[in-house]
Amino acid sequence: MDLLTWLQPWEFSPTLVLAFLVSGWLYGRGCKAHRVGKVRQTLFWVGWVILYLSLHTQLDYYAERMFFIHRLQHLVLHHLGPLIVMSSYPGQVMRAGLPQSWRTWLATARRRRGPIRVLESLATHPILIPMLFLAYVLVWVEPTVQFYSMLDWRLYRFMNWGVVVSGMLYWNLIMDRRPHPPAAMAAGWRVFSPIFTMAPQMAAGAVIALCGHDLYPVFDLCGRALPGFTAMDDQVLGGLIMWVPAGLIEAYGLLYALGTLMRLSDRNRLPPPRRLARRVVHGA
């Protein structure tokens, strides 16, 4: 298979193409309005490209027919790609890429109590988003759910798009370098959150890798794309991907958040403990 053939989508999605074109256009316009460093721009475009390649190329064919490639795909869609994109802090840049009238409307809607405020609060909720992120790891590897999601194209797309969205929302919280507020999640919780999400998915990967029988016969039903792989070989590799590489990415997020916490502490930008703050208020 040559490169051009591999880059062709296995199942063409105009909605997906439009989403990538619009996001790239907004970021490009925003870079003209803001001074965005080369490192940040590189991070955004690298993450943007690997997300597209993981969603809309012939890789999707192999992900539907090999469990370990499916887990590699989700490792990129849920962990690596969103982490790289959010490391570039694209939100402010993409807002600057909006037409002036849209920016004005958005700023007004964010100040009012309405659907935009509710949506923003849900998208940055410090408890809901980590739970959603973890759920999108564990739910889709449950054998029955995995069986139907691989056979129904609508459920399959919902699964893949959902892991990208939940990954973006989660890493947006973890990679934030500001104090709380204005950051949605407290600096200490940004350190704890990767532990909360990392441990269950590593345990699930270990169970899958060490299980003595085939949990995912759907890949035999679809026909394995790579010769020489038994069902157990495929399953062990997929479990190891959840167990080790995904855990390492989460560990990187933990260390990054720890670095942010230490930096904010050194600059005295952490809010005082609640008890101390109450004493200061009552003393005043």
Foldseek 3Di string as FASTA:
>chain_A
DDPVQQAAFPDDDPVVVVVLVLQVQLLVQLVVVDVADPQLVVLQVVLSVVLCSLHGGCLVVQLLQFVQSVLVSLCSQQFVSLLSNLLSVRPNSSLSSDPPVVNVVLVVVCVDPDDSVVVVCCLQPLPNLLVQSLCLLPVCPQLVNVLVLSVDVVSVVCSSVSSNSSNNSLSNLLSDLAAPVVRSDHLVSSLVSLVVSLVVQLVVLVCQLPDPDQSHCSSVVVPNPDPPDDSNNSRNSNSVCSNPVSNVSSVVSNVSSVVSVVVCVVVVNYDDDPVVVVVVVVVD
